[in-house]
Amino acid sequence: MADALILIALLFVAVTATAAVAVRDPARQALVLAVLGLTLAVLFTVLQAPDVALSQLAVGSAFTPLLILLSVRKVRRRGRRKEGAR
């Protein structure tokens, strides 16, 4: 039973990682990255590494996508300002 759970978790990680690479829009990519962090946290939990899962949940599912979204927002704002100045 445990091997089946590990296999299912690995399959979900592979699917979400592929989706993160396939998505072209940076904002959507950040959201898919958050889902990838969540699936990795589930995988680590299945592999009986709860401390790593909690770290992955905090960093991979919350902080990193948030920083990417804020960066994308700032870059898009600067682009709009430069276009308006022309």
PDB file of N, CA and C in Angstrom:
ATOM      1  N   MET A   1       0.823  -1.200   0.000  1.00  0.00           N
ATOM      2  CA  MET A   1       0.000   0.000   0.000  1.00  0.00           C
ATOM      3  C   MET A   1       0.865   1.262   0.000  1.00  0.00           C
ATOM      4  N   ALA A   2       1.933   1.248   0.775  1.00  0.00           N
ATOM      5  CA  ALA A   2       2.805   2.421   0.848  1.00  0.00           C
ATOM      6  C   ALA A   2       3.477   2.687  -0.495  1.00  0.00           C
ATOM      7  N   ASP A   3       3.850   1.617  -1.203  1.00  0.00           N
ATOM      8  CA  ASP A   3       4.480   1.804  -2.509  1.00  0.00           C
ATOM      9  C   ASP A   3       3.518   2.446  -3.503  1.00  0.00           C
ATOM     10  N   ALA A   4       2.249   2.097  -3.410  1.00  0.00           N
ATOM     11  CA  ALA A   4       1.251   2.689  -4.305  1.00  0.00           C
ATOM     12  C   ALA A   4       1.090   4.186  -4.014  1.00  0.00           C
ATOM     13  N   LEU A   5       1.092   4.558  -2.733  1.00  0.00           N
ATOM     14  CA  LEU A   5       0.986   5.974  -2.379  1.00  0.00           C
ATOM     15  C   LEU A   5       2.186   6.767  -2.873  1.00  0.00           C
ATOM     16  N   ILE A   6       3.368   6.183  -2.732  1.00  0.00           N
ATOM     17  CA  ILE A   6       4.582   6.844  -3.221  1.00  0.00           C
ATOM     18  C   ILE A   6       4.515   7.013  -4.732  1.00  0.00           C
ATOM     19  N   LEU A   7       4.062   5.995  -5.422  1.00  0.00           N
ATOM     20  CA  LEU A   7       3.960   6.063  -6.884  1.00  0.00           C
ATOM     21  C   LEU A   7       2.952   7.125  -7.324  1.00  0.00           C
ATOM     22  N   ILE A   8       1.823   7.198  -6.644  1.00  0.00           N
ATOM     23  CA  ILE A   8       0.812   8.205  -6.975  1.00  0.00           C
ATOM     24  C   ILE A   8       1.349   9.608  -6.702  1.00  0.00           C
ATOM     25  N   ALA A   9       2.026   9.791  -5.562  1.00  0.00           N
ATOM     26  CA  ALA A   9       2.595  11.102  -5.240  1.00  0.00           C
ATOM     27  C   ALA A   9       3.660  11.504  -6.257  1.00  0.00           C
ATOM     28  N   LEU A  10       4.499  10.565  -6.656  1.00  0.00           N
ATOM     29  CA  LEU A  10       5.507  10.851  -7.679  1.00  0.00           C
ATOM     30  C   LEU A  10       4.873  11.219  -9.013  1.00  0.00           C
ATOM     31  N   LEU A  11       3.782  10.553  -9.345  1.00  0.00           N
ATOM     32  CA  LEU A  11       3.071  10.859 -10.582  1.00  0.00           C
ATOM     33  C   LEU A  11       2.511  12.280 -10.550  1.00  0.00           C
ATOM     34  N   PHE A  12       1.913  12.671  -9.416  1.00  0.00           N
ATOM     35  CA  PHE A  12       1.405  14.030  -9.275  1.00  0.00           C
ATOM     36  C   PHE A  12       2.525  15.057  -9.363  1.00  0.00           C
ATOM     37  N   VAL A  13       3.664  14.761  -8.762  1.00  0.00           N
ATOM     38  CA  VAL A  13       4.807  15.682  -8.830  1.00  0.00           C
ATOM     39  C   VAL A  13       5.274  15.825 -10.279  1.00  0.00           C
ATOM     40  N   ALA A  14       5.337  14.719 -10.997  1.00  0.00           N
ATOM     41  CA  ALA A  14       5.777  14.776 -12.396  1.00  0.00           C
ATOM     42  C   ALA A  14       4.799  15.584 -13.247  1.00  0.00           C
ATOM     43  N   VAL A  15       3.515  15.413 -13.019  1.00  0.00           N
ATOM     44  CA  VAL A  15       2.507  16.143 -13.797  1.00  0.00           C
ATOM     45  C   VAL A  15       2.570  17.637 -13.498  1.00  0.00           C
ATOM     46  N   THR A  16       2.658  18.003 -12.223  1.00  0.00           N
ATOM     47  CA  THR A  16       2.687  19.428 -11.890  1.00  0.00           C
ATOM     48  C   THR A  16       4.003  20.088 -12.311  1.00  0.00           C
ATOM     49  N   ALA A  17       5.106  19.355 -12.248  1.00  0.00           N
ATOM     50  CA  ALA A  17       6.382  19.912 -12.711  1.00  0.00           C
ATOM     51  C   ALA A  17       6.354  20.145 -14.219  1.00  0.00           C
ATOM     52  N   THR A  18       5.764  19.227 -14.941  1.00  0.00           N
ATOM     53  CA  THR A  18       5.620  19.402 -16.386  1.00  0.00           C
ATOM     54  C   THR A  18       4.718  20.589 -16.698  1.00  0.00           C
ATOM     55  N   ALA A  19       3.653  20.730 -15.931  1.00  0.00           N
ATOM     56  CA  ALA A  19       2.747  21.868 -16.136  1.00  0.00           C
ATOM     57  C   ALA A  19       3.444  23.187 -15.834  1.00  0.00           C
ATOM     58  N   ALA A  20       4.301  23.212 -14.813  1.00  0.00           N
ATOM     59  CA  ALA A  20       5.031  24.436 -14.480  1.00  0.00           C
ATOM     60  C   ALA A  20       5.967  24.849 -15.609  1.00  0.00           C
ATOM     61  N   VAL A  21       6.523  23.884 -16.303  1.00  0.00           N
ATOM     62  CA  VAL A  21       7.411  24.189 -17.422  1.00  0.00           C
ATOM     63  C   VAL A  21       6.608  24.571 -18.666  1.00  0.00           C
ATOM     64  N   ALA A  22       5.445  23.960 -18.847  1.00  0.00           N
ATOM     65  CA  ALA A  22       4.654  24.174 -20.062  1.00  0.00           C
ATOM     66  C   ALA A  22       3.910  25.510 -20.060  1.00  0.00           C
ATOM     67  N   VAL A  23       3.568  26.024 -18.899  1.00  0.00           N
ATOM     68  CA  VAL A  23       2.819  27.283 -18.829  1.00  0.00           C
ATOM     69  C   VAL A  23       3.749  28.436 -19.192  1.00  0.00           C
ATOM     70  N   ARG A  24       3.269  29.344 -20.043  1.00  0.00           N
ATOM     71  CA  ARG A  24       4.124  30.424 -20.536  1.00  0.00           C
ATOM     72  C   ARG A  24       3.961  31.731 -19.762  1.00  0.00           C
ATOM     73  N   ASP A  25       2.777  31.999 -19.224  1.00  0.00           N
ATOM     74  CA  ASP A  25       2.526  33.239 -18.506  1.00  0.00           C
ATOM     75  C   ASP A  25       3.166  33.179 -17.121  1.00  0.00           C
ATOM     76  N   PRO A  26       4.007  34.146 -16.758  1.00  0.00           N
ATOM     77  CA  PRO A  26       4.701  34.084 -15.467  1.00  0.00           C
ATOM     78  C   PRO A  26       3.771  34.071 -14.254  1.00  0.00           C
ATOM     79  N   ALA A  27       2.664  34.764 -14.320  1.00  0.00           N
ATOM     80  CA  ALA A  27       1.732  34.770 -13.187  1.00  0.00           C
ATOM     81  C   ALA A  27       1.103  33.392 -13.002  1.00  0.00           C
ATOM     82  N   ARG A  28       0.694  32.793 -14.081  1.00  0.00           N
ATOM     83  CA  ARG A  28       0.134  31.426 -13.999  1.00  0.00           C
ATOM     84  C   ARG A  28       1.206  30.427 -13.604  1.00  0.00           C
ATOM     85  N   GLN A  29       2.412  30.665 -14.068  1.00  0.00           N
ATOM     86  CA  GLN A  29       3.523  29.788 -13.713  1.00  0.00           C
ATOM     87  C   GLN A  29       3.763  29.805 -12.204  1.00  0.00           C
ATOM     88  N   ALA A  30       3.625  30.957 -11.586  1.00  0.00           N
ATOM     89  CA  ALA A  30       3.798  31.055 -10.139  1.00  0.00           C
ATOM     90  C   ALA A  30       2.715  30.266  -9.408  1.00  0.00           C
ATOM     91  N   LEU A  31       1.502  30.308  -9.919  1.00  0.00           N
ATOM     92  CA  LEU A  31       0.432  29.539  -9.298  1.00  0.00           C
ATOM     93  C   LEU A  31       0.651  28.035  -9.445  1.00  0.00           C
ATOM     94  N   VAL A  32       1.100  27.629 -10.618  1.00  0.00           N
ATOM     95  CA  VAL A  32       1.398  26.202 -10.823  1.00  0.00           C
ATOM     96  C   VAL A  32       2.582  25.789  -9.951  1.00  0.00           C
ATOM     97  N   LEU A  33       3.526  26.699  -9.754  1.00  0.00           N
ATOM     98  CA  LEU A  33       4.650  26.422  -8.872  1.00  0.00           C
ATOM     99  C   LEU A  33       4.194  26.215  -7.427  1.00  0.00           C
ATOM    100  N   ALA A  34       3.176  26.961  -7.022  1.00  0.00           N
ATOM    101  CA  ALA A  34       2.615  26.764  -5.685  1.00  0.00           C
ATOM    102  C   ALA A  34       1.981  25.380  -5.561  1.00  0.00           C
ATOM    103  N   VAL A  35       1.295  24.949  -6.606  1.00  0.00           N
ATOM    104  CA  VAL A  35       0.702  23.603  -6.596  1.00  0.00           C
ATOM    105  C   VAL A  35       1.802  22.549  -6.584  1.00  0.00           C
ATOM    106  N   LEU A  36       2.879  22.796  -7.314  1.00  0.00           N
ATOM    107  CA  LEU A  36       4.019  21.873  -7.303  1.00  0.00           C
ATOM    108  C   LEU A  36       4.609  21.763  -5.903  1.00  0.00           C
ATOM    109  N   GLY A  37       4.748  22.891  -5.212  1.00  0.00           N
ATOM    110  CA  GLY A  37       5.245  22.857  -3.843  1.00  0.00           C
ATOM    111  C   GLY A  37       4.341  22.066  -2.926  1.00  0.00           C
ATOM    112  N   LEU A  38       3.034  22.185  -3.148  1.00  0.00           N
ATOM    113  CA  LEU A  38       2.077  21.416  -2.354  1.00  0.00           C
ATOM    114  C   LEU A  38       2.187  19.925  -2.627  1.00  0.00           C
ATOM    115  N   THR A  39       2.327  19.552  -3.892  1.00  0.00           N
ATOM    116  CA  THR A  39       2.458  18.127  -4.203  1.00  0.00           C
ATOM    117  C   THR A  39       3.783  17.564  -3.686  1.00  0.00           C
ATOM    118  N   LEU A  40       4.835  18.371  -3.706  1.00  0.00           N
ATOM    119  CA  LEU A  40       6.098  17.916  -3.128  1.00  0.00           C
ATOM    120  C   LEU A  40       5.974  17.730  -1.614  1.00  0.00           C
ATOM    121  N   ALA A  41       5.221  18.618  -0.966  1.00  0.00           N
ATOM    122  CA  ALA A  41       4.996  18.461   0.474  1.00  0.00           C
ATOM    123  C   ALA A  41       4.240  17.178   0.765  1.00  0.00           C
ATOM    124  N   VAL A  42       3.271  16.847  -0.085  1.00  0.00           N
ATOM    125  CA  VAL A  42       2.542  15.583   0.082  1.00  0.00           C
ATOM    126  C   VAL A  42       3.488  14.400  -0.118  1.00  0.00           C
ATOM    127  N   LEU A  43       4.348  14.493  -1.135  1.00  0.00           N
ATOM    128  CA  LEU A  43       5.315  13.416  -1.367  1.00  0.00           C
ATOM    129  C   LEU A  43       6.231  13.221  -0.171  1.00  0.00           C
ATOM    130  N   PHE A  44       6.735  14.319   0.393  1.00  0.00           N
ATOM    131  CA  PHE A  44       7.611  14.210   1.549  1.00  0.00           C
ATOM    132  C   PHE A  44       6.867  13.638   2.758  1.00  0.00           C
ATOM    133  N   THR A  45       5.600  13.963   2.882  1.00  0.00           N
ATOM    134  CA  THR A  45       4.804  13.394   3.974  1.00  0.00           C
ATOM    135  C   THR A  45       4.639  11.900   3.789  1.00  0.00           C
ATOM    136  N   VAL A  46       4.375  11.480   2.559  1.00  0.00           N
ATOM    137  CA  VAL A  46       4.237  10.043   2.274  1.00  0.00           C
ATOM    138  C   VAL A  46       5.558   9.319   2.535  1.00  0.00           C
ATOM    139  N   LEU A  47       6.658   9.998   2.265  1.00  0.00           N
ATOM    140  CA  LEU A  47       7.977   9.409   2.500  1.00  0.00           C
ATOM    141  C   LEU A  47       8.429   9.536   3.960  1.00  0.00           C
ATOM    142  N   GLN A  48       7.526   9.971   4.823  1.00  0.00           N
ATOM    143  CA  GLN A  48       7.751  10.077   6.264  1.00  0.00           C
ATOM    144  C   GLN A  48       8.871  11.060   6.607  1.00  0.00           C
ATOM    145  N   ALA A  49       8.808  12.220   5.974  1.00  0.00           N
ATOM    146  CA  ALA A  49       9.734  13.306   6.281  1.00  0.00           C
ATOM    147  C   ALA A  49       8.914  14.558   6.578  1.00  0.00           C
ATOM    148  N   PRO A  50       8.246  14.597   7.730  1.00  0.00           N
ATOM    149  CA  PRO A  50       7.335  15.717   8.001  1.00  0.00           C
ATOM    150  C   PRO A  50       8.041  17.067   8.149  1.00  0.00           C
ATOM    151  N   ASP A  51       9.274  17.073   8.645  1.00  0.00           N
ATOM    152  CA  ASP A  51       9.984  18.350   8.782  1.00  0.00           C
ATOM    153  C   ASP A  51      10.318  18.948   7.416  1.00  0.00           C
ATOM    154  N   VAL A  52      10.713  18.108   6.490  1.00  0.00           N
ATOM    155  CA  VAL A  52      10.993  18.574   5.133  1.00  0.00           C
ATOM    156  C   VAL A  52       9.696  19.009   4.457  1.00  0.00           C
ATOM    157  N   ALA A  53       8.612  18.280   4.729  1.00  0.00           N
ATOM    158  CA  ALA A  53       7.312  18.628   4.148  1.00  0.00           C
ATOM    159  C   ALA A  53       6.847  19.995   4.631  1.00  0.00           C
ATOM    160  N   LEU A  54       7.030  20.283   5.903  1.00  0.00           N
ATOM    161  CA  LEU A  54       6.629  21.592   6.426  1.00  0.00           C
ATOM    162  C   LEU A  54       7.468  22.714   5.821  1.00  0.00           C
ATOM    163  N   SER A  55       8.755  22.470   5.680  1.00  0.00           N
ATOM    164  CA  SER A  55       9.622  23.470   5.051  1.00  0.00           C
ATOM    165  C   SER A  55       9.221  23.703   3.600  1.00  0.00           C
ATOM    166  N   GLN A  56       8.945  22.630   2.888  1.00  0.00           N
ATOM    167  CA  GLN A  56       8.524  22.733   1.493  1.00  0.00           C
ATOM    168  C   GLN A  56       7.187  23.454   1.386  1.00  0.00           C
ATOM    169  N   LEU A  57       6.308  23.184   2.319  1.00  0.00           N
ATOM    170  CA  LEU A  57       5.006  23.840   2.314  1.00  0.00           C
ATOM    171  C   LEU A  57       5.151  25.348   2.497  1.00  0.00           C
ATOM    172  N   ALA A  58       6.027  25.747   3.394  1.00  0.00           N
ATOM    173  CA  ALA A  58       6.210  27.181   3.649  1.00  0.00           C
ATOM    174  C   ALA A  58       6.941  27.858   2.495  1.00  0.00           C
ATOM    175  N   VAL A  59       8.056  27.292   2.089  1.00  0.00           N
ATOM    176  CA  VAL A  59       8.895  27.948   1.085  1.00  0.00           C
ATOM    177  C   VAL A  59       8.370  27.717  -0.327  1.00  0.00           C
ATOM    178  N   GLY A  60       8.124  26.461  -0.673  1.00  0.00           N
ATOM    179  CA  GLY A  60       7.745  26.128  -2.046  1.00  0.00           C
ATOM    180  C   GLY A  60       6.326  26.473  -2.410  1.00  0.00           C
ATOM    181  N   SER A  61       5.428  26.487  -1.427  1.00  0.00           N
ATOM    182  CA  SER A  61       4.029  26.745  -1.739  1.00  0.00           C
ATOM    183  C   SER A  61       3.598  28.166  -1.425  1.00  0.00           C
ATOM    184  N   ALA A  62       4.356  28.879  -0.604  1.00  0.00           N
ATOM    185  CA  ALA A  62       3.909  30.206  -0.198  1.00  0.00           C
ATOM    186  C   ALA A  62       4.899  31.305  -0.587  1.00  0.00           C
ATOM    187  N   PHE A  63       6.101  31.241  -0.063  1.00  0.00           N
ATOM    188  CA  PHE A  63       7.030  32.367  -0.227  1.00  0.00           C
ATOM    189  C   PHE A  63       7.533  32.529  -1.659  1.00  0.00           C
ATOM    190  N   THR A  64       7.974  31.466  -2.277  1.00  0.00           N
ATOM    191  CA  THR A  64       8.531  31.575  -3.630  1.00  0.00           C
ATOM    192  C   THR A  64       7.487  32.054  -4.643  1.00  0.00           C
ATOM    193  N   PRO A  65       6.289  31.440  -4.701  1.00  0.00           N
ATOM    194  CA  PRO A  65       5.292  31.977  -5.649  1.00  0.00           C
ATOM    195  C   PRO A  65       4.893  33.422  -5.344  1.00  0.00           C
ATOM    196  N   LEU A  66       4.839  33.771  -4.065  1.00  0.00           N
ATOM    197  CA  LEU A  66       4.508  35.143  -3.700  1.00  0.00           C
ATOM    198  C   LEU A  66       5.563  36.118  -4.211  1.00  0.00           C
ATOM    199  N   LEU A  67       6.826  35.777  -4.039  1.00  0.00           N
ATOM    200  CA  LEU A  67       7.901  36.638  -4.538  1.00  0.00           C
ATOM    201  C   LEU A  67       7.876  36.756  -6.053  1.00  0.00           C
ATOM    202  N   ILE A  68       7.576  35.660  -6.723  1.00  0.00           N
ATOM    203  CA  ILE A  68       7.494  35.699  -8.189  1.00  0.00           C
ATOM    204  C   ILE A  68       6.333  36.587  -8.629  1.00  0.00           C
ATOM    205  N   LEU A  69       5.177  36.443  -7.991  1.00  0.00           N
ATOM    206  CA  LEU A  69       4.022  37.264  -8.349  1.00  0.00           C
ATOM    207  C   LEU A  69       4.295  38.748  -8.101  1.00  0.00           C
ATOM    208  N   LEU A  70       4.935  39.072  -6.995  1.00  0.00           N
ATOM    209  CA  LEU A  70       5.262  40.467  -6.722  1.00  0.00           C
ATOM    210  C   LEU A  70       6.261  41.021  -7.731  1.00  0.00           C
ATOM    211  N   SER A  71       7.225  40.211  -8.117  1.00  0.00           N
ATOM    212  CA  SER A  71       8.214  40.644  -9.113  1.00  0.00           C
ATOM    213  C   SER A  71       7.563  40.868 -10.475  1.00  0.00           C
ATOM    214  N   VAL A  72       6.700  39.950 -10.874  1.00  0.00           N
ATOM    215  CA  VAL A  72       6.002  40.084 -12.154  1.00  0.00           C
ATOM    216  C   VAL A  72       5.137  41.338 -12.151  1.00  0.00           C
ATOM    217  N   ARG A  73       4.470  41.592 -11.051  1.00  0.00           N
ATOM    218  CA  ARG A  73       3.622  42.780 -10.939  1.00  0.00           C
ATOM    219  C   ARG A  73       4.448  44.063 -11.077  1.00  0.00           C
ATOM    220  N   LYS A  74       5.600  44.078 -10.425  1.00  0.00           N
ATOM    221  CA  LYS A  74       6.452  45.277 -10.481  1.00  0.00           C
ATOM    222  C   LYS A  74       7.001  45.493 -11.894  1.00  0.00           C
ATOM    223  N   VAL A  75       7.408  44.438 -12.546  1.00  0.00           N
ATOM    224  CA  VAL A  75       7.942  44.555 -13.903  1.00  0.00           C
ATOM    225  C   VAL A  75       6.848  45.030 -14.860  1.00  0.00           C
ATOM    226  N   ARG A  76       5.644  44.508 -14.719  1.00  0.00           N
ATOM    227  CA  ARG A  76       4.548  44.927 -15.594  1.00  0.00           C
ATOM    228  C   ARG A  76       4.180  46.389 -15.359  1.00  0.00           C
ATOM    229  N   ARG A  77       4.250  46.842 -14.120  1.00  0.00           N
ATOM    230  CA  ARG A  77       3.968  48.258 -13.831  1.00  0.00           C
ATOM    231  C   ARG A  77       4.999  49.164 -14.490  1.00  0.00           C
ATOM    232  N   ARG A  78       6.267  48.777 -14.410  1.00  0.00           N
ATOM    233  CA  ARG A  78       7.322  49.578 -15.038  1.00  0.00           C
ATOM    234  C   ARG A  78       7.137  49.622 -16.542  1.00  0.00           C
ATOM    235  N   GLY A  79       6.726  48.512 -17.121  1.00  0.00           N
ATOM    236  CA  GLY A  79       6.488  48.476 -18.568  1.00  0.00           C
ATOM    237  C   GLY A  79       5.371  49.413 -18.974  1.00  0.00           C
ATOM    238  N   ARG A  80       4.341  49.478 -18.163  1.00  0.00           N
ATOM    239  CA  ARG A  80       3.217  50.379 -18.465  1.00  0.00           C
ATOM    240  C   ARG A  80       3.639  51.835 -18.345  1.00  0.00           C
ATOM    241  N   ARG A  81       4.466  52.146 -17.346  1.00  0.00           N
ATOM    242  CA  ARG A  81       4.927  53.528 -17.166  1.00  0.00           C
ATOM    243  C   ARG A  81       5.784  53.969 -18.350  1.00  0.00           C
ATOM    244  N   LYS A  82       6.658  53.095 -18.813  1.00  0.00           N
ATOM    245  CA  LYS A  82       7.533  53.452 -19.933  1.00  0.00           C
ATOM    246  C   LYS A  82       6.727  53.621 -21.219  1.00  0.00           C
ATOM    247  N   GLU A  83       5.702  52.805 -21.411  1.00  0.00           N
ATOM    248  CA  GLU A  83       4.864  52.943 -22.601  1.00  0.00           C
ATOM    249  C   GLU A  83       4.062  54.227 -22.544  1.00  0.00           C
ATOM    250  N   GLY A  84       3.629  54.627 -21.348  1.00  0.00           N
ATOM    251  CA  GLY A  84       2.843  55.859 -21.194  1.00  0.00           C
ATOM    252  C   GLY A  84       3.685  57.102 -21.389  1.00  0.00           C
ATOM    253  N   ALA A  85       4.974  57.022 -21.131  1.00  0.00           N
ATOM    254  CA  ALA A  85       5.851  58.180 -21.246  1.00  0.00           C
ATOM    255  C   ALA A  85       6.217  58.476 -22.703  1.00  0.00           C
ATOM    256  N   ARG A  86       6.048  57.510 -23.560  1.00  0.00           N
ATOM    257  CA  ARG A  86       6.429  57.689 -24.976  1.00  0.00           C
ATOM    258  C   ARG A  86       5.457  58.500 -25.722  1.00  0.00           C
TER     259      ARG A  86
END
